[in-house]
């Protein structure tokens, strides 16, 4: 767990280097807390040196929606084309087959509900103020979430920016 926490701190330094928006007394981000994730999110396209390597991974599709419920269930939808209907309609008929939980602030485990379900560990950062990130070619708004998928050895595999 210490290795993962060290990785999260490293990711914060990489993902959010100081810029004109950040000041020493007002950080632009903090580790996510459980209430930060609850709601419906869409992925904001951005550039990251951490890219998922599996060419068939749904993470690579340009249109992605996520719904995190207060009961710990999670739904996601991924598409090559824009969704024809709003998120509420997209998720309405979809069963919740995935759960999420916080091991500690900033570390989220996502797991399939079936007994042999695979799990993923994500480091989660919540933006506390608007911030331009020239390195990532992104504009991070207050309230945005940045989640980084972490490999078995604590290495970052993929990062995504989400906005409500």
N, C-alpha and C. Protein backbone atom coordinates (compact mmCIF):
# COMPACT_ATOMS: atom_id res chain seq x y z
N UNK A 1 0.83 -1.19 0.00
CA UNK A 1 0.00 0.00 0.00
C UNK A 1 0.87 1.26 0.00
N UNK A 2 1.98 1.22 0.72
CA UNK A 2 2.89 2.36 0.75
C UNK A 2 3.43 2.64 -0.64
N UNK A 3 3.73 1.57 -1.39
CA UNK A 3 4.22 1.72 -2.75
C UNK A 3 3.17 2.43 -3.61
N UNK A 4 1.89 2.04 -3.44
CA UNK A 4 0.82 2.68 -4.20
C UNK A 4 0.67 4.14 -3.83
N UNK A 5 0.76 4.45 -2.53
CA UNK A 5 0.65 5.83 -2.10
C UNK A 5 1.79 6.66 -2.66
N UNK A 6 3.00 6.08 -2.68
CA UNK A 6 4.15 6.77 -3.26
C UNK A 6 3.90 7.03 -4.73
N UNK A 7 3.30 6.03 -5.42
CA UNK A 7 2.97 6.19 -6.82
C UNK A 7 1.96 7.31 -7.03
N UNK A 8 1.00 7.43 -6.13
CA UNK A 8 -0.01 8.48 -6.24
C UNK A 8 0.62 9.85 -6.10
N UNK A 9 1.54 9.98 -5.17
CA UNK A 9 2.23 11.26 -4.99
C UNK A 9 3.05 11.59 -6.23
N UNK A 10 3.72 10.58 -6.80
CA UNK A 10 4.47 10.77 -8.02
C UNK A 10 3.54 11.21 -9.15
N UNK A 11 2.37 10.57 -9.25
CA UNK A 11 1.41 10.93 -10.29
C UNK A 11 0.93 12.36 -10.13
N UNK A 12 0.71 12.77 -8.89
CA UNK A 12 0.30 14.16 -8.66
C UNK A 12 1.35 15.11 -9.18
N UNK A 13 2.60 14.81 -8.92
CA UNK A 13 3.68 15.68 -9.38
C UNK A 13 3.73 15.70 -10.90
N UNK A 14 3.50 14.53 -11.54
CA UNK A 14 3.52 14.48 -12.99
C UNK A 14 2.29 15.15 -13.59
N UNK A 15 1.14 14.77 -13.10
CA UNK A 15 -0.11 15.22 -13.71
C UNK A 15 -0.41 16.69 -13.44
N UNK A 16 0.11 17.22 -12.36
CA UNK A 16 -0.25 18.58 -11.99
C UNK A 16 0.95 19.40 -11.60
N UNK A 17 1.95 19.57 -12.50
CA UNK A 17 3.08 20.40 -12.16
C UNK A 17 2.65 21.85 -11.97
N UNK A 18 3.43 22.59 -11.27
CA UNK A 18 3.08 23.99 -11.00
C UNK A 18 2.86 24.74 -12.31
N UNK A 19 1.89 25.61 -12.33
CA UNK A 19 1.61 26.46 -13.49
C UNK A 19 1.21 27.82 -12.98
N UNK A 20 0.81 28.67 -13.89
CA UNK A 20 0.41 30.01 -13.50
C UNK A 20 -0.79 30.02 -12.57
N UNK A 21 -1.60 28.96 -12.57
CA UNK A 21 -2.78 28.92 -11.72
C UNK A 21 -2.47 28.46 -10.30
N UNK A 22 -1.40 27.70 -10.14
CA UNK A 22 -1.11 27.12 -8.83
C UNK A 22 -0.22 28.04 -8.01
N UNK A 23 -0.46 28.05 -6.72
CA UNK A 23 0.39 28.79 -5.81
C UNK A 23 0.73 27.89 -4.65
N UNK A 24 1.79 28.20 -3.94
CA UNK A 24 2.25 27.34 -2.85
C UNK A 24 1.19 27.18 -1.77
N UNK A 25 0.40 28.23 -1.50
CA UNK A 25 -0.57 28.13 -0.41
C UNK A 25 -1.94 27.63 -0.86
N UNK A 26 -2.15 27.47 -2.17
CA UNK A 26 -3.44 27.00 -2.67
C UNK A 26 -3.20 25.90 -3.71
N UNK A 27 -3.16 24.65 -3.25
CA UNK A 27 -2.95 23.57 -4.22
C UNK A 27 -4.14 23.47 -5.17
N UNK A 28 -3.88 22.99 -6.38
CA UNK A 28 -4.95 22.90 -7.38
C UNK A 28 -5.66 21.55 -7.36
N UNK A 29 -5.19 20.62 -6.51
CA UNK A 29 -5.84 19.32 -6.45
C UNK A 29 -5.63 18.69 -5.07
N UNK A 30 -6.43 17.64 -4.81
CA UNK A 30 -6.30 16.86 -3.59
C UNK A 30 -6.76 15.44 -3.91
N UNK A 31 -6.40 14.49 -3.04
CA UNK A 31 -6.87 13.13 -3.22
C UNK A 31 -8.39 13.10 -3.10
N UNK A 32 -9.05 12.29 -3.94
CA UNK A 32 -10.51 12.15 -3.90
C UNK A 32 -10.96 11.55 -2.58
N UNK A 33 -12.15 11.95 -2.19
CA UNK A 33 -12.86 11.36 -1.07
C UNK A 33 -14.11 10.68 -1.64
N UNK A 34 -14.71 9.75 -0.93
CA UNK A 34 -15.85 9.02 -1.49
C UNK A 34 -16.95 9.91 -2.08
N UNK A 35 -17.30 10.99 -1.43
CA UNK A 35 -18.40 11.83 -1.94
C UNK A 35 -18.04 12.53 -3.25
N UNK A 36 -16.75 12.66 -3.55
CA UNK A 36 -16.33 13.31 -4.79
C UNK A 36 -16.77 12.55 -6.03
N UNK A 37 -16.79 11.22 -5.95
CA UNK A 37 -17.08 10.40 -7.13
C UNK A 37 -18.56 10.24 -7.43
N UNK A 38 -19.42 10.37 -6.44
CA UNK A 38 -20.84 10.12 -6.64
C UNK A 38 -21.40 11.07 -7.71
N UNK A 39 -22.05 10.48 -8.70
CA UNK A 39 -22.64 11.28 -9.78
C UNK A 39 -22.33 10.67 -11.14
N UNK A 40 -22.70 11.40 -12.18
CA UNK A 40 -22.49 10.96 -13.55
C UNK A 40 -21.42 11.83 -14.19
N UNK A 41 -20.48 11.17 -14.84
CA UNK A 41 -19.30 11.83 -15.40
C UNK A 41 -19.13 11.47 -16.87
N UNK A 42 -18.51 12.38 -17.61
CA UNK A 42 -18.08 12.07 -18.99
C UNK A 42 -16.58 12.28 -19.05
N UNK A 43 -15.93 11.50 -19.88
CA UNK A 43 -14.48 11.63 -20.03
C UNK A 43 -14.19 12.83 -20.92
N UNK A 44 -13.23 13.64 -20.50
CA UNK A 44 -12.75 14.78 -21.27
C UNK A 44 -11.48 14.31 -21.96
N UNK A 45 -11.39 14.49 -23.26
CA UNK A 45 -10.21 14.04 -24.01
C UNK A 45 -9.01 14.87 -23.63
N UNK A 46 -7.91 14.20 -23.36
CA UNK A 46 -6.67 14.91 -23.04
C UNK A 46 -5.49 14.04 -23.42
N UNK A 47 -4.31 14.62 -23.44
CA UNK A 47 -3.09 13.93 -23.81
C UNK A 47 -2.35 13.52 -22.55
N UNK A 48 -1.91 12.28 -22.51
CA UNK A 48 -1.15 11.80 -21.36
C UNK A 48 -0.07 10.86 -21.85
N UNK A 49 1.07 10.89 -21.19
CA UNK A 49 2.11 9.93 -21.55
C UNK A 49 1.71 8.53 -21.10
N UNK A 50 0.75 8.45 -20.16
CA UNK A 50 0.25 7.16 -19.71
C UNK A 50 -0.95 6.79 -20.58
N UNK A 51 -0.76 5.87 -21.48
CA UNK A 51 -1.84 5.43 -22.35
C UNK A 51 -2.02 3.93 -22.19
N UNK A 52 -3.25 3.49 -22.12
CA UNK A 52 -3.54 2.07 -21.99
C UNK A 52 -3.04 1.36 -23.23
N UNK A 53 -2.34 0.27 -23.08
CA UNK A 53 -1.67 -0.40 -24.20
C UNK A 53 -2.55 -1.39 -24.96
N UNK A 54 -3.63 -1.87 -24.38
CA UNK A 54 -4.50 -2.85 -25.03
C UNK A 54 -5.33 -2.15 -26.10
N UNK A 55 -5.10 -2.47 -27.40
CA UNK A 55 -5.83 -1.77 -28.47
C UNK A 55 -7.34 -2.03 -28.46
N UNK A 56 -7.79 -3.07 -27.74
CA UNK A 56 -9.21 -3.38 -27.66
C UNK A 56 -9.86 -2.82 -26.41
N UNK A 57 -9.12 -2.12 -25.60
CA UNK A 57 -9.64 -1.60 -24.34
C UNK A 57 -10.72 -0.55 -24.59
N UNK A 58 -11.83 -0.62 -23.85
CA UNK A 58 -12.88 0.39 -24.02
C UNK A 58 -12.40 1.78 -23.61
N UNK A 59 -11.32 1.84 -22.83
CA UNK A 59 -10.77 3.14 -22.41
C UNK A 59 -10.34 3.99 -23.59
N UNK A 60 -10.06 3.35 -24.73
CA UNK A 60 -9.58 4.09 -25.89
C UNK A 60 -10.68 4.70 -26.73
N UNK A 61 -11.93 4.30 -26.48
CA UNK A 61 -13.04 4.86 -27.25
C UNK A 61 -13.25 6.33 -26.88
N UNK A 62 -13.60 7.16 -27.85
CA UNK A 62 -13.66 8.60 -27.60
C UNK A 62 -14.83 9.08 -26.74
N UNK A 63 -15.90 8.30 -26.64
CA UNK A 63 -17.07 8.73 -25.87
C UNK A 63 -17.27 7.76 -24.70
N UNK A 64 -17.14 8.31 -23.48
CA UNK A 64 -17.24 7.48 -22.29
C UNK A 64 -18.05 8.19 -21.21
N UNK A 65 -18.93 7.43 -20.58
CA UNK A 65 -19.73 7.94 -19.47
C UNK A 65 -19.55 7.01 -18.28
N UNK A 66 -19.56 7.58 -17.07
CA UNK A 66 -19.44 6.80 -15.84
C UNK A 66 -20.47 7.29 -14.85
N UNK A 67 -21.05 6.35 -14.12
CA UNK A 67 -22.01 6.69 -13.07
C UNK A 67 -21.57 5.98 -11.79
N UNK A 68 -21.25 6.76 -10.77
CA UNK A 68 -20.87 6.23 -9.46
C UNK A 68 -22.02 6.53 -8.50
N UNK A 69 -22.59 5.49 -7.90
CA UNK A 69 -23.71 5.66 -6.97
C UNK A 69 -23.21 5.63 -5.54
N UNK A 70 -23.96 6.27 -4.65
CA UNK A 70 -23.58 6.33 -3.23
C UNK A 70 -23.54 4.94 -2.59
N UNK A 71 -24.26 3.97 -3.18
CA UNK A 71 -24.26 2.60 -2.63
C UNK A 71 -23.03 1.79 -3.04
N UNK A 72 -22.10 2.39 -3.78
CA UNK A 72 -20.88 1.70 -4.18
C UNK A 72 -20.97 0.98 -5.50
N UNK A 73 -22.07 1.15 -6.23
CA UNK A 73 -22.17 0.53 -7.56
C UNK A 73 -21.69 1.53 -8.61
N UNK A 74 -21.21 0.98 -9.71
CA UNK A 74 -20.69 1.80 -10.80
C UNK A 74 -21.18 1.25 -12.13
N UNK A 75 -21.49 2.14 -13.04
CA UNK A 75 -21.86 1.77 -14.40
C UNK A 75 -20.99 2.58 -15.34
N UNK A 76 -20.69 1.99 -16.51
CA UNK A 76 -19.93 2.74 -17.51
C UNK A 76 -20.42 2.39 -18.90
N UNK A 77 -20.30 3.34 -19.79
CA UNK A 77 -20.67 3.15 -21.19
C UNK A 77 -19.56 3.74 -22.04
N UNK A 78 -19.16 3.00 -23.08
CA UNK A 78 -18.06 3.41 -23.95
C UNK A 78 -18.53 3.25 -25.40
N UNK A 79 -18.23 4.24 -26.24
CA UNK A 79 -18.72 4.18 -27.61
C UNK A 79 -17.77 4.90 -28.57
N UNK A 80 -17.72 4.39 -29.80
CA UNK A 80 -16.94 5.05 -30.84
C UNK A 80 -17.68 6.28 -31.37
N UNK A 81 -19.02 6.30 -31.19
CA UNK A 81 -19.84 7.42 -31.65
C UNK A 81 -20.47 8.12 -30.44
N UNK A 82 -20.84 9.37 -30.63
CA UNK A 82 -21.50 10.12 -29.55
C UNK A 82 -22.79 9.39 -29.16
N UNK A 83 -23.11 9.43 -27.88
CA UNK A 83 -24.32 8.80 -27.39
C UNK A 83 -25.54 9.56 -27.90
N UNK A 84 -26.52 8.82 -28.43
CA UNK A 84 -27.72 9.45 -28.99
C UNK A 84 -28.63 9.98 -27.88
N UNK A 85 -28.52 9.40 -26.69
CA UNK A 85 -29.38 9.81 -25.57
C UNK A 85 -28.53 10.31 -24.42
N UNK A 86 -29.16 11.01 -23.51
CA UNK A 86 -28.46 11.54 -22.34
C UNK A 86 -28.03 10.44 -21.40
N UNK A 87 -27.10 10.75 -20.48
CA UNK A 87 -26.58 9.74 -19.55
C UNK A 87 -27.66 9.04 -18.73
N UNK A 88 -28.68 9.77 -18.30
CA UNK A 88 -29.73 9.16 -17.48
C UNK A 88 -30.38 8.00 -18.24
N UNK A 89 -30.70 8.23 -19.50
CA UNK A 89 -31.33 7.22 -20.33
C UNK A 89 -30.35 6.08 -20.64
N UNK A 90 -29.09 6.42 -20.89
CA UNK A 90 -28.08 5.40 -21.19
C UNK A 90 -27.96 4.41 -20.03
N UNK A 91 -27.94 4.93 -18.79
CA UNK A 91 -27.72 4.08 -17.63
C UNK A 91 -28.99 3.46 -17.05
N UNK A 92 -30.15 3.97 -17.44
CA UNK A 92 -31.42 3.54 -16.85
C UNK A 92 -31.63 2.02 -16.93
N UNK A 93 -31.44 1.43 -18.07
CA UNK A 93 -31.71 0.00 -18.26
C UNK A 93 -30.47 -0.88 -18.02
N UNK A 94 -29.35 -0.27 -17.73
CA UNK A 94 -28.11 -1.01 -17.58
C UNK A 94 -27.96 -1.54 -16.15
N UNK A 95 -27.70 -2.85 -16.00
CA UNK A 95 -27.50 -3.37 -14.64
C UNK A 95 -26.15 -2.91 -14.09
N UNK A 96 -26.08 -2.79 -12.79
CA UNK A 96 -24.81 -2.43 -12.14
C UNK A 96 -24.05 -3.72 -11.84
N UNK A 97 -23.05 -4.03 -12.65
CA UNK A 97 -22.29 -5.27 -12.48
C UNK A 97 -20.89 -5.00 -11.93
N UNK A 98 -20.64 -3.75 -11.55
CA UNK A 98 -19.33 -3.35 -11.04
C UNK A 98 -19.54 -2.56 -9.76
N UNK A 99 -18.62 -2.74 -8.82
CA UNK A 99 -18.65 -1.96 -7.58
C UNK A 99 -17.36 -1.16 -7.47
N UNK A 100 -17.39 -0.15 -6.61
CA UNK A 100 -16.17 0.60 -6.32
C UNK A 100 -16.11 0.83 -4.82
N UNK A 101 -14.90 0.98 -4.33
CA UNK A 101 -14.71 1.27 -2.90
C UNK A 101 -13.41 2.04 -2.74
N UNK A 102 -13.35 2.78 -1.64
CA UNK A 102 -12.15 3.53 -1.31
C UNK A 102 -11.37 2.77 -0.25
N UNK A 103 -10.11 2.48 -0.54
CA UNK A 103 -9.23 1.88 0.46
C UNK A 103 -8.74 2.96 1.42
N UNK A 104 -8.56 4.14 0.88
CA UNK A 104 -8.19 5.35 1.61
C UNK A 104 -8.43 6.50 0.65
N UNK A 105 -8.36 7.73 1.14
CA UNK A 105 -8.57 8.86 0.24
C UNK A 105 -7.60 8.74 -0.93
N UNK A 106 -8.13 8.89 -2.13
CA UNK A 106 -7.30 8.88 -3.33
C UNK A 106 -7.04 7.53 -3.94
N UNK A 107 -7.45 6.44 -3.32
CA UNK A 107 -7.23 5.11 -3.89
C UNK A 107 -8.57 4.38 -3.98
N UNK A 108 -8.97 4.10 -5.22
CA UNK A 108 -10.27 3.50 -5.51
C UNK A 108 -10.06 2.12 -6.12
N UNK A 109 -10.78 1.14 -5.61
CA UNK A 109 -10.77 -0.20 -6.20
C UNK A 109 -12.09 -0.40 -6.92
N UNK A 110 -12.00 -0.80 -8.18
CA UNK A 110 -13.16 -1.09 -9.01
C UNK A 110 -13.15 -2.60 -9.24
N UNK A 111 -14.29 -3.26 -8.98
CA UNK A 111 -14.33 -4.72 -9.06
C UNK A 111 -15.64 -5.20 -9.68
N UNK A 112 -15.52 -6.19 -10.55
CA UNK A 112 -16.71 -6.84 -11.11
C UNK A 112 -17.41 -7.61 -9.99
N UNK A 113 -18.75 -7.63 -10.00
CA UNK A 113 -19.52 -8.26 -8.93
C UNK A 113 -19.44 -9.79 -8.94
N UNK A 114 -19.16 -10.40 -10.09
CA UNK A 114 -19.14 -11.86 -10.12
C UNK A 114 -18.00 -12.40 -9.24
N UNK A 115 -18.14 -13.63 -8.74
CA UNK A 115 -17.17 -14.17 -7.78
C UNK A 115 -15.72 -14.14 -8.26
N UNK A 116 -15.50 -14.37 -9.55
CA UNK A 116 -14.14 -14.35 -10.08
C UNK A 116 -13.81 -13.00 -10.70
N UNK A 117 -14.56 -11.98 -10.31
CA UNK A 117 -14.44 -10.67 -10.93
C UNK A 117 -13.06 -10.05 -10.84
N UNK A 118 -12.65 -9.50 -11.95
CA UNK A 118 -11.37 -8.79 -11.99
C UNK A 118 -11.50 -7.47 -11.23
N UNK A 119 -10.38 -6.97 -10.75
CA UNK A 119 -10.41 -5.68 -10.06
C UNK A 119 -9.30 -4.79 -10.61
N UNK A 120 -9.50 -3.49 -10.45
CA UNK A 120 -8.53 -2.49 -10.88
C UNK A 120 -8.32 -1.52 -9.72
N UNK A 121 -7.12 -0.99 -9.64
CA UNK A 121 -6.82 0.05 -8.65
C UNK A 121 -6.58 1.35 -9.40
N UNK A 122 -7.25 2.39 -8.95
CA UNK A 122 -7.14 3.71 -9.56
C UNK A 122 -6.72 4.72 -8.49
N UNK A 123 -5.81 5.60 -8.84
CA UNK A 123 -5.52 6.76 -8.00
C UNK A 123 -6.44 7.87 -8.48
N UNK A 124 -7.05 8.57 -7.56
CA UNK A 124 -8.09 9.54 -7.89
C UNK A 124 -7.75 10.90 -7.29
N UNK A 125 -7.78 11.93 -8.12
CA UNK A 125 -7.47 13.29 -7.70
C UNK A 125 -8.64 14.19 -8.08
N UNK A 126 -9.06 15.04 -7.16
CA UNK A 126 -10.13 16.00 -7.40
C UNK A 126 -9.51 17.39 -7.55
N UNK A 127 -9.91 18.11 -8.58
CA UNK A 127 -9.40 19.47 -8.80
C UNK A 127 -10.11 20.43 -7.86
N UNK A 128 -9.35 21.22 -7.14
CA UNK A 128 -9.90 22.17 -6.18
C UNK A 128 -9.97 23.59 -6.76
N UNK A 129 -9.42 23.78 -7.94
CA UNK A 129 -9.48 25.07 -8.63
C UNK A 129 -9.20 24.87 -10.11
N UNK A 130 -9.64 25.81 -10.93
CA UNK A 130 -9.37 25.74 -12.37
C UNK A 130 -7.87 25.82 -12.59
N UNK A 131 -7.44 25.11 -13.63
CA UNK A 131 -6.00 25.08 -13.88
C UNK A 131 -5.71 24.65 -15.31
N UNK A 132 -4.87 25.39 -16.00
CA UNK A 132 -4.41 24.98 -17.32
C UNK A 132 -3.19 24.08 -17.13
N UNK A 133 -3.12 23.03 -17.91
CA UNK A 133 -1.98 22.13 -17.87
C UNK A 133 -1.44 22.02 -19.29
N UNK A 134 -0.45 22.83 -19.60
CA UNK A 134 0.10 22.86 -20.95
C UNK A 134 0.76 21.54 -21.33
N UNK A 135 1.37 20.87 -20.37
CA UNK A 135 2.04 19.60 -20.63
C UNK A 135 1.04 18.55 -21.12
N UNK A 136 -0.14 18.51 -20.54
CA UNK A 136 -1.18 17.55 -20.93
C UNK A 136 -2.11 18.11 -21.99
N UNK A 137 -1.92 19.37 -22.36
CA UNK A 137 -2.81 20.05 -23.31
C UNK A 137 -4.24 19.96 -22.83
N UNK A 138 -4.44 20.33 -21.57
CA UNK A 138 -5.76 20.20 -20.95
C UNK A 138 -6.08 21.42 -20.11
N UNK A 139 -7.38 21.65 -19.95
CA UNK A 139 -7.84 22.63 -18.98
C UNK A 139 -8.64 21.86 -17.94
N UNK A 140 -8.17 21.89 -16.73
CA UNK A 140 -8.82 21.16 -15.63
C UNK A 140 -9.67 22.16 -14.86
N UNK A 141 -10.96 21.85 -14.76
CA UNK A 141 -11.89 22.72 -14.05
C UNK A 141 -12.05 22.27 -12.60
N UNK A 142 -12.34 23.21 -11.73
CA UNK A 142 -12.65 22.88 -10.35
C UNK A 142 -13.77 21.84 -10.36
N UNK A 143 -13.59 20.75 -9.62
CA UNK A 143 -14.58 19.69 -9.58
C UNK A 143 -14.27 18.52 -10.51
N UNK A 144 -13.39 18.72 -11.50
CA UNK A 144 -12.99 17.61 -12.36
C UNK A 144 -12.28 16.55 -11.53
N UNK A 145 -12.34 15.33 -12.02
CA UNK A 145 -11.64 14.20 -11.40
C UNK A 145 -10.63 13.68 -12.40
N UNK A 146 -9.43 13.39 -11.94
CA UNK A 146 -8.43 12.71 -12.76
C UNK A 146 -8.16 11.36 -12.10
N UNK A 147 -8.41 10.29 -12.87
CA UNK A 147 -8.19 8.94 -12.35
C UNK A 147 -7.06 8.29 -13.15
N UNK A 148 -6.14 7.66 -12.44
CA UNK A 148 -5.00 6.99 -13.06
C UNK A 148 -5.04 5.51 -12.70
N UNK A 149 -5.13 4.67 -13.72
CA UNK A 149 -5.11 3.22 -13.52
C UNK A 149 -3.70 2.81 -13.13
N UNK A 150 -3.59 1.99 -12.08
CA UNK A 150 -2.30 1.60 -11.54
C UNK A 150 -2.09 0.10 -11.76
N UNK A 151 -0.91 -0.26 -12.24
CA UNK A 151 -0.58 -1.66 -12.48
C UNK A 151 -0.23 -2.40 -11.20
N UNK A 152 0.01 -3.69 -11.33
CA UNK A 152 0.30 -4.54 -10.18
C UNK A 152 1.53 -4.10 -9.39
N UNK A 153 2.47 -3.46 -10.06
CA UNK A 153 3.69 -3.01 -9.39
C UNK A 153 3.65 -1.53 -9.04
N UNK A 154 2.46 -0.94 -9.08
CA UNK A 154 2.30 0.46 -8.71
C UNK A 154 2.58 1.44 -9.84
N UNK A 155 2.85 0.93 -11.04
CA UNK A 155 3.17 1.81 -12.17
C UNK A 155 1.89 2.36 -12.81
N UNK A 156 1.89 3.62 -13.23
CA UNK A 156 0.72 4.19 -13.90
C UNK A 156 0.57 3.58 -15.30
N UNK A 157 -0.68 3.19 -15.64
CA UNK A 157 -0.95 2.58 -16.94
C UNK A 157 -1.75 3.49 -17.87
N UNK A 158 -2.65 4.27 -17.28
CA UNK A 158 -3.58 5.07 -18.09
C UNK A 158 -4.17 6.15 -17.19
N UNK A 159 -4.41 7.32 -17.74
CA UNK A 159 -5.05 8.39 -16.97
C UNK A 159 -6.22 8.95 -17.77
N UNK A 160 -7.27 9.35 -17.04
CA UNK A 160 -8.43 9.97 -17.67
C UNK A 160 -8.92 11.14 -16.83
N UNK A 161 -9.41 12.15 -17.51
CA UNK A 161 -10.00 13.31 -16.87
C UNK A 161 -11.51 13.19 -17.04
N UNK A 162 -12.27 13.40 -15.96
CA UNK A 162 -13.73 13.29 -16.02
C UNK A 162 -14.37 14.57 -15.50
N UNK A 163 -15.50 14.89 -16.09
CA UNK A 163 -16.23 16.11 -15.71
C UNK A 163 -17.71 15.80 -15.62
N UNK A 164 -18.39 16.41 -14.63
CA UNK A 164 -19.84 16.22 -14.48
C UNK A 164 -20.56 17.03 -15.52
